[in-house]
Protein backbone atom coordinates (compact mmCIF):
# COMPACT_ATOMS: atom_id res chain seq x y z
CA MET A 1 116.98 77.22 202.48
CA LYS A 2 113.28 78.10 200.88
CA GLN A 3 113.18 81.39 199.20
CA LEU A 4 109.97 83.35 200.25
CA PHE A 5 108.40 85.56 196.73
CA SER A 6 104.99 86.74 196.60
CA LYS A 7 103.27 84.93 193.92
CA LYS A 8 99.78 87.30 193.86
CA SER A 9 99.12 88.15 190.19
CA LEU A 10 96.95 91.17 189.45
CA LEU A 11 95.55 89.96 185.87
CA PRO A 12 95.30 86.78 184.56
CA ASN A 13 97.61 84.52 181.95
CA LYS A 14 96.13 86.18 178.57
CA SER A 15 95.95 89.75 180.07
CA ALA A 16 98.29 91.23 178.01
CA GLN A 17 97.25 90.34 174.90
CA ILE A 18 93.51 91.21 175.96
CA GLY A 19 94.78 94.67 177.25
CA LEU A 20 96.74 95.42 173.71
CA GLY A 21 93.53 94.03 171.49
CA LEU A 22 91.42 96.94 173.39
CA LEU A 23 93.89 99.45 173.12
CA THR A 24 94.44 98.39 169.40
CA CYS A 25 90.37 98.79 168.92
CA LEU A 26 90.14 101.79 170.52
CA ALA A 27 92.84 103.81 168.47
CA LEU A 28 90.90 102.08 165.19
CA SER A 29 87.59 103.37 166.45
CA HIS A 30 89.06 107.21 166.75
CA LEU A 31 90.70 106.61 163.18
CA SER A 32 87.36 105.64 161.69
CA ILE A 33 85.34 108.36 163.40
CA GLY A 34 87.98 110.60 162.15
CA GLN A 35 87.94 109.19 158.53
CA GLY A 36 84.02 109.39 158.57
CA SER A 37 83.57 112.98 159.82
CA THR A 38 86.24 114.31 156.74
CA SER A 39 84.31 112.14 153.80
CA SER A 40 80.73 113.27 154.85
CA THR A 41 79.58 116.13 152.98
CA LYS A 42 78.21 119.09 154.80
CA PRO A 43 76.56 122.75 153.61
CA THR A 44 78.96 125.36 153.39
CA ILE A 45 78.97 128.63 155.52
CA VAL A 46 77.31 131.38 153.67
CA SER A 47 77.77 134.01 156.13
CA THR A 48 78.23 134.46 159.95
CA VAL A 49 77.47 137.81 161.77
CA THR A 50 77.74 138.47 165.48
CA ASP A 51 75.83 140.71 167.73
CA ASN A 52 75.23 141.16 170.94
CA GLY A 53 76.39 137.50 172.44
CA ILE A 54 74.32 135.66 169.38
CA VAL A 55 76.37 134.17 166.42
CA THR A 56 73.74 133.99 163.31
CA THR A 57 75.34 131.10 160.74
CA THR A 58 73.60 130.93 157.40
CA TYR A 59 74.58 127.61 155.54
CA SER A 60 74.40 126.85 151.69
CA ASN A 61 71.20 125.00 152.22
CA GLY A 62 69.28 127.65 153.51
CA GLN A 63 69.49 126.92 157.08
CA VAL A 64 69.94 129.45 159.83
CA VAL A 65 71.55 129.06 163.16
CA LYS A 66 71.67 131.41 165.82
CA THR A 67 73.78 130.59 168.72
CA VAL A 68 73.31 131.93 171.66
CA ALA A 69 76.16 132.78 174.78
CA ASP A 70 74.53 132.51 178.36
CA GLY A 71 73.71 136.21 179.53
CA TYR A 72 71.72 136.73 175.92
CA TYR A 73 68.54 136.20 174.88
CA LEU A 74 66.50 136.43 171.38
CA ASP A 75 63.60 137.57 171.04
CA SER A 76 60.21 135.70 171.61
CA ALA A 77 59.13 136.24 167.91
CA PHE A 78 62.12 134.08 166.74
CA TYR A 79 62.49 131.35 168.86
CA LYS A 80 58.35 130.49 169.53
CA ASN A 81 58.19 129.99 165.76
CA ALA A 82 57.01 126.36 164.37
CA ASN A 83 59.86 126.39 162.03
CA VAL A 84 62.82 126.66 165.18
CA LEU A 85 64.24 123.90 167.00
CA LYS A 86 66.14 125.04 170.44
CA ALA A 87 68.95 122.89 171.52
CA THR A 88 71.62 123.40 174.63
CA HIS A 89 75.31 122.26 173.41
CA ALA A 90 76.94 121.12 176.55
CA LYS A 91 80.26 122.90 177.26
CA ARG A 92 83.47 121.43 175.48
CA TYR A 93 86.58 122.30 176.85
CA TRP A 94 90.34 120.92 177.29
CA LYS A 95 91.86 120.44 181.11
CA VAL A 96 95.45 120.17 181.69
CA THR A 97 95.87 119.14 185.60
CA ASP A 98 99.47 118.67 187.02
CA ARG A 99 99.96 116.54 190.33
CA VAL A 100 102.43 116.26 192.89
CA GLY A 101 102.60 114.21 196.25
CA ILE A 102 103.78 111.28 197.92
CA SER A 103 104.05 107.68 196.86
CA VAL A 104 103.24 105.00 199.35
CA PRO A 105 103.08 101.34 198.82
CA VAL A 106 101.23 98.01 199.79
CA GLY A 107 102.71 95.01 201.49
CA ASN A 108 102.21 91.87 199.66
CA ASP A 109 102.16 89.43 202.24
CA ASP A 110 99.41 88.29 204.43
CA ASN A 111 100.56 90.57 206.96
CA GLY A 112 100.43 93.72 205.21
CA LYS A 113 104.59 93.68 205.20
CA ASP A 114 106.89 93.66 201.84
CA VAL A 115 109.28 91.02 202.38
CA THR A 116 110.42 90.95 199.06
CA MET A 117 111.50 94.52 197.91
CA PHE A 118 111.03 96.37 201.23
CA LEU A 119 109.31 98.95 199.34
CA LYS A 120 108.78 102.48 201.50
CA PRO A 121 107.04 105.92 200.39
CA GLY A 122 108.33 108.18 197.72
CA VAL A 123 107.34 110.70 195.31
CA TYR A 124 105.09 111.15 192.20
CA ASN A 125 104.20 113.78 189.42
CA SER A 126 101.65 113.03 186.62
CA LEU A 127 100.43 115.21 183.99
CA SER A 128 96.97 114.51 182.64
CA VAL A 129 95.22 116.17 179.52
CA THR A 130 91.43 115.37 179.09
CA HIS A 131 88.74 117.01 176.33
CA PHE A 132 85.62 117.73 178.21
CA TRP A 133 82.06 117.43 176.61
CA GLY A 134 79.81 118.50 179.58
CA GLY A 135 80.58 116.40 182.75
CA PHE A 136 81.83 113.65 180.26
CA GLY A 137 85.86 113.78 178.98
CA LEU A 138 88.37 111.13 177.63
CA GLY A 139 91.57 111.79 178.47
CA LEU A 140 95.44 110.92 178.28
CA THR A 141 97.78 110.51 181.38
CA GLY A 142 101.57 110.19 182.03
CA GLY A 143 103.33 109.83 185.40
CA TYR A 144 106.63 108.82 187.21
CA GLN A 145 106.98 107.66 190.44
CA ASN A 146 109.48 106.04 192.82
CA PHE A 147 109.66 104.14 195.95
CA LYS A 148 112.64 104.12 198.42
CA VAL A 149 113.97 100.88 199.83
CA GLY A 150 113.67 100.33 203.81
CA ASP A 151 116.59 99.16 205.72
CA ASP A 152 114.35 95.85 206.51
CA TYR A 153 116.17 94.25 203.82
CA SER A 154 118.89 93.83 205.32
CA GLY A 155 117.02 92.75 208.74
CA PRO A 156 116.10 88.90 209.94
CA ASP A 157 113.47 88.87 207.10
CA GLY A 158 115.23 89.45 204.44
CA LEU A 159 117.06 86.68 202.49
CA ILE A 160 120.67 88.23 202.80
CA TYR A 161 120.23 87.64 206.67
CA LYS A 162 118.75 84.64 206.26
CA ASN A 163 121.26 83.15 203.22
CA PHE A 164 124.65 84.71 205.20
CA ASN A 165 123.26 82.63 208.71
CA SER A 166 122.43 79.56 206.87
CA LEU A 167 125.89 79.66 205.71
CA LEU A 168 127.62 80.16 208.68
CA SER A 169 125.75 77.44 210.52
CA THR A 170 126.66 74.93 207.63
CA GLY A 171 130.75 75.78 208.06
CA ARG A 172 130.55 77.16 204.36
CA ILE A 173 132.19 80.05 205.43
CA PRO A 174 134.33 81.15 208.29
CA ALA A 175 133.16 82.37 211.64
CA ASN A 176 134.70 85.63 211.17
CA SER A 177 133.44 86.48 207.54
CA LYS A 178 132.17 90.00 207.29
CA LEU A 179 128.56 90.61 205.15
CA LEU A 180 128.84 93.70 203.00
CA TYR A 181 126.12 95.64 201.11
CA ASP A 182 125.52 96.87 197.59
CA LYS A 183 124.50 100.02 197.27
CA VAL A 184 120.91 100.64 196.92
CA SER A 185 118.79 101.91 194.19
CA SER A 186 115.30 102.61 194.50
CA MET A 187 111.75 101.20 192.57
CA GLU A 188 110.86 103.56 189.42
CA ASP A 189 107.64 103.63 187.15
CA PHE A 190 106.88 105.64 184.16
CA TYR A 191 103.32 104.96 183.10
CA ILE A 192 100.94 106.35 180.15
CA PHE A 193 97.42 105.52 180.60
CA VAL A 194 94.36 106.48 178.48
CA GLY A 195 90.57 106.13 179.54
CA PRO A 196 87.30 108.51 180.50
CA SER A 197 86.79 111.08 183.18
CA PHE A 198 84.34 112.60 184.68
CA ALA A 199 83.75 116.06 186.30
CA LEU A 200 80.94 116.59 188.97
CA PRO A 201 80.42 120.28 190.45
CA ILE A 202 79.74 120.79 193.80
CA GLY A 203 78.21 124.38 194.02
CA LYS A 204 79.95 127.31 192.56
CA LYS A 205 83.67 126.79 193.51
CA LEU A 206 84.07 122.95 194.28
CA GLU A 207 84.28 120.37 191.74
CA ILE A 208 85.11 116.59 191.75
CA ASP A 209 87.51 114.65 188.86
CA LEU A 210 87.29 111.17 188.63
CA ASP A 211 89.78 109.59 186.30
CA LEU A 212 89.38 105.90 184.91
CA ARG A 213 92.61 105.04 183.66
CA GLY A 214 94.39 101.73 182.03
CA GLY A 215 97.41 101.49 179.97
CA LEU A 216 101.43 100.46 179.92
CA ILE A 217 103.85 101.22 182.53
CA ASN A 218 107.32 100.52 182.59
CA THR A 219 108.64 98.87 186.24
CA SER A 220 112.15 98.83 187.25
CA ALA A 221 112.36 96.85 190.20
CA PRO A 222 114.72 98.02 193.57
CA ARG A 223 118.52 96.84 193.42
CA PHE A 224 120.13 95.77 196.94
CA GLY A 225 122.21 92.46 197.68
CA GLY A 226 125.23 91.65 200.45
CA TYR A 227 128.61 89.37 199.45
CA LEU A 228 131.38 88.57 201.38
CA GLN A 229 134.80 90.89 200.99
CA ASP A 230 137.07 88.02 200.96
CA GLY A 231 135.58 84.69 199.89
CA ASN A 232 137.01 81.52 198.57
CA PHE A 233 140.37 82.38 196.87
CA GLY A 234 140.20 85.46 198.17
CA ALA A 235 137.15 86.93 195.61
CA GLN A 236 133.90 88.45 196.26
CA GLU A 237 131.51 85.78 197.15
CA LEU A 238 128.05 86.92 196.43
CA ILE A 239 125.34 85.87 199.26
CA PHE A 240 121.90 87.25 197.70
CA ARG A 241 121.15 90.07 195.25
CA MET A 242 117.68 91.60 193.68
CA ASN A 243 117.96 93.38 190.33
CA SER A 244 115.37 94.92 188.02
CA SER A 245 114.38 92.49 184.99
CA ALA A 246 115.08 92.97 181.30
CA SER A 247 111.31 93.11 180.50
CA LYS A 248 109.90 95.84 182.35
CA ASN A 249 106.91 96.74 180.58
CA LYS A 250 103.99 95.78 182.14
CA LEU A 251 99.74 96.40 182.04
CA GLY A 252 98.26 98.42 184.70
CA GLY A 253 95.58 100.70 185.69
CA LEU A 254 94.93 103.91 187.57
CA VAL A 255 92.18 105.56 189.81
CA GLY A 256 92.29 109.14 189.95
CA LEU A 257 90.33 111.70 192.47
CA ASP A 258 90.75 115.56 192.29
CA LEU A 259 89.07 117.98 194.56
CA LEU A 260 89.20 121.21 193.02
CA TYR A 261 88.80 124.70 194.33
CA LYS A 262 88.47 127.56 191.41
CA LEU A 263 90.61 129.99 192.21
CA SER A 264 88.87 131.76 188.72
CA PRO A 265 87.31 130.82 186.05
CA ARG A 266 90.27 129.01 184.21
CA TRP A 267 92.83 127.53 187.13
CA ALA A 268 91.49 125.33 190.15
CA LEU A 269 93.75 123.97 193.02
CA GLY A 270 93.10 121.03 195.01
CA ALA A 271 94.08 117.78 196.42
CA ASN A 272 94.86 114.58 194.69
CA VAL A 273 94.29 110.77 195.78
CA GLN A 274 95.06 108.14 193.34
CA GLY A 275 95.44 104.20 193.70
CA PHE A 276 97.75 102.00 191.18
CA ILE A 277 98.41 98.17 190.54
CA THR A 278 100.65 96.42 187.85
CA LYS A 279 102.88 93.58 188.16
CA THR A 280 106.43 93.75 188.37
CA PRO A 281 108.77 91.59 187.13
CA PHE A 282 112.50 91.05 189.12
CA THR A 283 115.48 88.96 189.01
CA THR A 284 117.38 87.33 192.20
CA THR A 285 120.68 85.99 192.68
CA GLY A 286 122.23 84.03 195.49
CA GLN A 287 124.18 81.05 196.45
CA ASP A 288 122.59 77.65 196.18
CA LEU A 289 122.42 76.66 200.35
CA MET A 290 121.94 72.87 199.53
CA PRO A 291 125.05 71.20 201.06
CA GLY A 292 127.95 71.04 199.58
CA SER A 293 127.07 73.17 196.77
CA THR A 294 128.80 75.70 195.66
CA LYS A 295 126.47 76.91 192.72
CA THR A 296 124.98 80.46 192.00
CA LEU A 297 121.18 80.21 191.68
CA THR A 298 119.47 82.83 189.23
CA LYS A 299 115.56 82.86 189.51
CA GLU A 300 112.94 85.51 187.23
CA ASP A 301 109.75 86.26 189.17
CA VAL A 302 107.07 88.74 189.08
CA ALA A 303 105.55 90.36 192.06
CA THR A 304 102.09 92.04 192.67
CA HIS A 305 103.07 95.90 192.87
CA GLY A 306 100.41 98.51 194.06
CA GLY A 307 99.44 101.60 195.78
CA TYR A 308 98.48 104.82 196.54
CA ASN A 309 99.46 108.61 195.70
CA ILE A 310 98.16 111.91 198.00
CA GLY A 311 99.45 115.23 196.66
CA LEU A 312 98.65 118.74 195.53
CA SER A 313 96.67 119.09 191.87
CA LEU A 314 96.25 122.29 189.46
CA SER A 315 94.35 122.05 186.86
CA HIS A 316 94.16 124.67 183.65
CA VAL A 317 90.90 125.02 181.55
CA PHE A 318 91.37 125.95 177.78
CA GLY A 319 88.71 126.74 175.14
CA GLU A 320 84.60 126.86 176.31
CA GLU A 321 83.66 126.54 179.65
CA LYS A 322 80.20 127.86 179.31
CA SER A 323 77.17 125.81 177.87
CA LYS A 324 75.34 127.45 174.57
CA THR A 325 71.71 127.43 173.50
CA VAL A 326 71.28 126.63 169.41
CA TYR A 327 68.48 127.97 167.84
CA THR A 328 68.17 126.71 164.71
CA LEU A 329 65.39 128.28 162.01
CA LEU A 330 64.33 125.02 159.63
CA PRO A 331 64.02 126.36 155.95
CA PRO A 332 60.24 126.78 155.35
CA PRO A 333 57.80 123.55 154.84
CA PRO A 334 56.67 123.22 150.67
CA ALA A 335 53.24 125.05 149.94
CA PRO A 336 50.68 122.98 149.63
CA VAL A 337 49.65 122.04 146.24
CA VAL A 338 45.87 123.21 145.61
CA ALA A 339 44.38 121.53 142.66
CA TYR A 340 41.63 124.65 141.29
CA ALA A 341 37.97 123.45 140.12
CA PRO A 342 38.03 124.19 136.26
CA THR A 343 35.33 126.19 134.72
CA LEU A 344 33.15 124.57 132.21
CA LEU A 345 32.33 126.44 128.68
CA GLY A 346 30.72 123.43 126.91
CA VAL A 347 26.89 122.54 126.93
CA ASN A 348 25.01 123.26 129.90
CA GLY A 349 21.35 122.34 130.61
CA LYS A 350 20.78 121.99 126.19
CA MET A 351 17.81 119.86 125.39
CA PHE A 352 18.70 118.46 121.47
CA ASP A 353 16.02 117.57 119.45
CA TYR A 354 14.88 113.76 118.54
CA LYS A 355 16.94 112.36 116.04
CA SER A 356 19.18 115.31 116.34
CA THR A 357 22.92 114.53 114.78
CA GLU A 358 24.58 117.33 116.71
CA VAL A 359 27.54 116.30 118.91
CA PRO A 360 28.05 117.69 122.48
CA ALA A 361 30.86 120.38 123.04
CA PHE A 362 32.52 119.59 126.28
CA LYS A 363 35.24 122.55 126.99
CA TRP A 364 36.67 124.25 129.54
CA LYS A 365 38.94 126.71 131.26
CA SER A 366 41.81 126.16 133.96
CA ASN A 367 41.84 128.67 136.80
CA SER A 368 44.94 127.79 138.23
CA PRO A 369 47.76 130.11 138.35
CA ASN A 370 49.84 127.09 136.97
CA PRO A 371 47.86 125.68 133.91
CA GLU A 372 51.12 123.61 132.49
CA GLN A 373 51.18 121.22 135.49
CA GLU A 374 47.22 120.51 135.38
CA GLU A 375 45.60 117.24 133.96
CA TYR A 376 41.94 117.35 133.74
CA LEU A 377 39.60 113.78 134.84
CA PHE A 378 36.45 114.08 132.24
CA LYS A 379 33.38 111.67 133.27
CA LEU A 380 30.41 111.16 131.94
CA TYR A 381 27.19 109.63 133.81
CA LYS A 382 23.70 109.07 132.07
CA ALA A 383 21.32 110.27 134.73
CA ASP A 384 19.29 107.16 135.58
CA GLY A 385 20.49 106.52 139.02
CA THR A 386 23.39 103.97 138.14
CA GLN A 387 25.90 106.60 139.20
CA THR A 388 28.63 104.51 137.20
CA PRO A 389 30.26 106.72 134.30
CA ILE A 390 29.36 105.53 131.14
CA TYR A 391 32.80 106.98 129.94
CA GLN A 392 35.83 108.79 131.48
CA GLN A 393 39.26 109.83 130.10
CA THR A 394 42.15 111.94 131.58
CA THR A 395 43.53 114.72 129.27
CA LYS A 396 45.90 117.57 129.00
CA ASN A 397 43.71 119.92 126.77
CA ASN A 398 41.16 122.09 127.12
CA SER A 399 38.44 120.16 125.47
CA LEU A 400 37.06 116.62 124.58
CA THR A 401 35.04 115.15 122.16
CA LEU A 402 33.56 111.36 122.71
CA PRO A 403 34.77 108.68 120.33
CA ASN A 404 32.77 106.87 118.43
CA ASN A 405 32.31 103.90 120.16
CA VAL A 406 29.81 106.05 122.59
CA VAL A 407 26.69 106.19 121.88
CA LEU A 408 24.20 108.30 123.52
CA SER A 409 20.78 107.37 123.24
CA ASN A 410 18.41 109.57 121.47
CA GLY A 411 14.93 107.36 120.89
CA ASP A 412 11.76 107.70 121.82
CA GLU A 413 12.17 108.76 125.44
CA CYS A 414 13.46 111.75 126.84
CA SER A 415 17.07 110.85 127.78
CA PHE A 416 19.99 112.94 130.10
CA TYR A 417 23.23 113.18 130.67
CA TYR A 418 25.51 115.05 133.28
CA TYR A 419 29.42 115.05 133.24
CA THR A 420 32.20 116.61 136.02
CA VAL A 421 35.45 117.74 135.10
CA GLN A 422 38.17 117.53 137.91
CA SER A 423 41.39 118.99 137.54
CA VAL A 424 44.59 116.90 138.67
CA VAL A 425 47.97 118.16 139.82
CA GLN A 426 50.82 114.93 140.40
CA ASN A 427 48.15 112.52 139.81
CA LYS A 428 47.44 112.62 143.39
CA HIS A 429 45.38 116.05 144.04
CA PHE A 430 42.15 115.78 142.97
CA SER A 431 40.02 119.61 142.86
CA GLU A 432 36.14 119.48 143.51
CA ALA A 433 33.82 118.45 140.29
CA SER A 434 32.26 121.07 137.96
CA SER A 435 29.47 119.60 136.33
CA ALA A 436 27.05 120.14 133.79
CA SER A 437 23.96 118.66 131.75
CA PHE A 438 22.14 118.12 128.51
CA GLY A 439 20.06 115.82 127.25
CA TYR A 440 17.71 114.61 124.51
CA LYS A 441 13.96 115.01 123.68
CA ALA A 442 11.63 112.45 123.23
CA LYS A 443 9.67 111.44 120.21
CA PRO A 444 6.74 113.32 119.57
CA ALA A 445 3.63 111.84 120.51
CA PRO A 446 0.90 111.70 118.19
CA ALA A 447 -2.69 113.47 118.96
CA VAL A 448 -4.54 110.50 120.57
CA PHE A 449 -8.39 111.28 121.31
CA GLY A 450 -10.34 109.44 123.81
CA ALA A 451 -9.33 108.43 127.11
CA THR A 452 -5.98 108.25 128.51
CA ARG A 453 -3.99 106.79 131.57
CA PRO A 454 -2.82 109.18 134.01
CA VAL A 455 0.83 110.22 133.60
CA GLU A 456 3.32 110.02 136.21
CA ASP A 457 4.87 113.68 136.74
CA GLN A 458 8.37 114.16 136.76
CA TYR A 459 10.32 116.92 137.69
CA MET A 460 13.67 118.54 136.91
CA PHE A 461 15.83 120.11 139.74
CA LYS A 462 19.22 121.65 139.72
CA VAL A 463 21.81 122.20 142.55
CA PHE A 464 23.34 125.53 142.12
CA GLY A 465 27.35 126.09 143.06
CA GLY A 466 27.79 126.63 146.83
CA LYS A 467 29.87 128.91 149.28
CA SER A 468 31.00 128.04 152.53
CA ALA A 469 28.89 128.52 155.45
CA PRO A 470 29.29 130.78 158.44
CA ALA A 471 30.33 129.87 161.53
CA LYS A 472 27.57 128.64 163.97
CA LYS A 473 27.29 130.67 166.92
CA ALA A 474 25.91 129.91 170.10
CA THR A 475 22.25 131.47 170.68
CA LYS A 476 21.07 132.51 174.16
CA ALA A 477 17.60 131.23 175.12
CA ARG A 478 15.08 134.50 174.99
CA ARG A 479 12.50 135.38 177.26
CA LYS A 480 9.45 134.90 175.52
CA ALA A 481 8.06 138.52 174.95
CA VAL A 482 4.20 139.23 175.98
CA LYS A 483 2.58 140.17 172.85
CA PRO A 484 0.86 143.26 173.65
CA VAL A 485 -2.87 144.09 172.73
CA ALA A 486 -3.21 144.34 168.42
CA VAL A 487 -4.13 147.93 167.36
CA ALA A 488 -5.14 147.89 163.52
CA GLN A 489 -2.65 149.69 161.46
CA PRO A 490 -2.73 150.76 158.02
CA LYS A 491 -0.91 147.37 155.97
CA LYS A 492 1.96 148.45 154.11
CA LEU A 493 3.57 146.60 150.52
CA VAL A 494 6.88 145.34 151.25
CA PRO A 495 8.70 144.04 147.95
CA ARG A 496 10.35 140.79 149.12
CA ARG A 497 14.10 140.51 147.34
CA LYS A 498 14.56 137.86 145.09
CA ALA A 499 16.85 135.46 146.38
CA LYS A 500 20.04 135.23 144.57
CA PRO A 501 22.26 131.98 143.40
CA ALA A 502 24.39 130.63 145.76
CA ASN A 503 27.04 130.71 142.23
CA ASP A 504 26.24 131.46 138.64
CA TYR A 505 26.66 127.71 137.22
CA VAL A 506 24.87 124.51 137.78
CA ASN A 507 26.60 122.04 139.71
CA TYR A 508 24.22 119.39 139.30
CA GLU A 509 21.08 118.67 136.95
CA ASN A 510 18.95 115.47 136.85
CA VAL A 511 14.91 114.34 136.33
CA THR A 512 13.30 112.40 138.91
CA THR A 513 9.52 111.97 140.28
CA ASP A 514 10.64 112.86 143.91
CA PRO A 515 10.70 116.74 144.22
CA LYS A 516 11.98 116.53 147.38
CA VAL A 517 15.61 118.03 148.78
CA LYS A 518 17.88 115.39 148.62
CA TRP A 519 21.34 115.51 147.64
CA PRO A 520 22.51 113.13 144.98
CA ALA A 521 24.51 110.06 145.60
CA ASP A 522 26.48 110.61 142.24
CA LEU A 523 27.46 114.26 143.04
CA PRO A 524 30.64 114.57 145.07
CA LEU A 525 30.42 116.35 148.55
CA PRO A 526 31.82 119.46 149.39
CA LYS A 527 35.00 119.60 151.53
CA ASN A 528 33.98 121.85 154.12
CA PRO A 529 30.10 122.94 155.00
CA SER A 530 28.13 124.83 152.24
CA ILE A 531 25.51 126.65 151.66
CA TYR A 532 23.79 125.97 147.65
CA GLU A 533 20.03 126.51 146.02
CA TYR A 534 18.14 124.33 144.93
CA GLU A 535 15.58 124.76 141.90
CA VAL A 536 12.56 122.47 141.36
CA GLN A 537 10.58 122.36 137.52
CA ARG A 538 7.51 120.39 136.26
CA LEU A 539 8.17 119.07 133.13
CA ASN A 540 5.78 118.83 130.24
CA PRO A 541 5.23 114.75 129.50
CA GLY A 542 4.74 115.59 126.20
CA ASP A 543 8.14 117.50 124.98
CA CYS A 544 9.93 117.20 128.24
CA LYS A 545 9.76 121.11 128.36
CA PRO A 546 9.76 122.63 132.24
CA THR A 547 6.15 123.94 132.80
CA GLY A 548 7.45 126.52 135.71
CA THR A 549 9.36 126.69 139.04
CA VAL A 550 7.81 124.53 141.61
CA ALA A 551 9.56 124.98 144.33
CA LYS A 552 13.24 127.03 145.07
CA TYR A 553 15.19 126.51 148.35
CA LYS A 554 18.54 127.56 149.82
CA PHE A 555 19.78 124.43 151.68
CA TYR A 556 22.69 123.74 154.12
CA ILE A 557 24.71 120.70 154.06
CA ASP A 558 27.66 119.30 155.94
CA PRO A 559 29.69 116.81 154.46
CA LYS A 560 30.19 114.60 157.72
CA HIS A 561 26.49 114.35 158.13
CA PRO A 562 25.06 114.37 154.57
CA ASP A 563 21.47 113.20 155.03
CA ASP A 564 20.61 116.19 157.67
CA ILE A 565 20.13 118.58 155.14
CA ARG A 566 18.55 121.95 156.32
CA ILE A 567 16.54 124.48 154.37
CA LEU A 568 17.35 127.99 155.23
CA PRO A 569 14.42 130.79 155.35
CA ASN A 570 14.41 134.04 153.11
CA LYS A 571 14.36 136.17 155.87
CA LYS A 572 17.62 136.00 158.09
């Protein structure tokens, strides 16, 4: 007779090695995370103060962290500050859940019947411990379940009955032989699984917990069998028997679902449903049914073992059950680096005599509160429109002497020069340029009697300092007033105020033949819209001395539109 055993398998051939490899990787990842967290250096806590549900922690690096429990709030002046970060940390807690109920097996043949082990419902009990971060958790589940053996094992579908009838029909046993049965033992499973969990709240009182677990299960097949009391030579003769295998550890999986009702903030009671699946090895022993054979056959086999559990669950929560809002006060940003323009103390506007051997003195003083951090960039220009410095140098001193290879022209014609000094901080922050000028007189012209050709007029112009321009205000259009009939009134003499210069030092000085207001191309533009003063003097062609002021204006310049220079009236 052919014996019937289920050949269905949950896992492929190498499932055991793959499962063990996954568990090993999971364990190593937890170990590496633990080692990384212990080896990293963190700032130490200087002080911790708790007041009205707000915990203020100050760290050694200057960081301040305020942890706010639900129901408490910070004043708006704190968390609206630009240096404050607001974050909400999910609740972190431990949950312990105990489950107890009925375990129901699932048949393993095509008709949904179990014709191998004849299992029927038993009981189960499991305990899980899960750590949650908000709605996600990672937990461990251990448990026990058993399954009874149904009376069908001795019925017509069982191998005991089929083997006994086969032996009777072939005459290998007497017709009056009496069949006896072994003591029946239940099937038992012990398991320990690990995997993720998900907590899904439904309103304020209900919650669904979903557990996905995988791991090892120690499964023992049931024991039952039949034998003849008086067999050959008066001994017991085995008909068929099932036993558990020596190799009981297999991989398995479990899916659990809990519907919990919160009895209190920490206790919850509800219903549990979980399904499981694994493979169970077993051993069968029986007589060889081939005619004339007296052998006893032993066979190892594996059956798919699965089912579901229904019962009650009770859970308890440890730790924080509420989320937290954390306000982190960042250290103040570093102060901006400011480079202050120096004040020039050397020559300014001086005209040296023809063939003079006097050397110009270039001196200045710092206006920075930290002069030791400054350097100075000196540039010397010839006022001929080339806009290229003929000499430049960076120094930490407050004075400078031109080297011998820099020759200033002191010839028959007038020659003019100007120089700029800028403060430099950290080799990348430059101040506005402070500038001054000087020149050399031309060779005195001999008196010439007779007709002379006309000499082109030359003008010396100066640009004084500057101050930030006031913000522009939109003006409303006025209605044009009708002038009343003029009545003759005696004239009053009103003294005109003399316009004060915008600053007391010359920003720029040069000689030109065009007296119109124009921003010099070689003078650095201001950083903000500013008001400057422009003075034009006519030069005497003979000795280059100013003969009088031609014009004096105040003008407004915007660095974004340097060509749009606006003359300001003396009156408001």
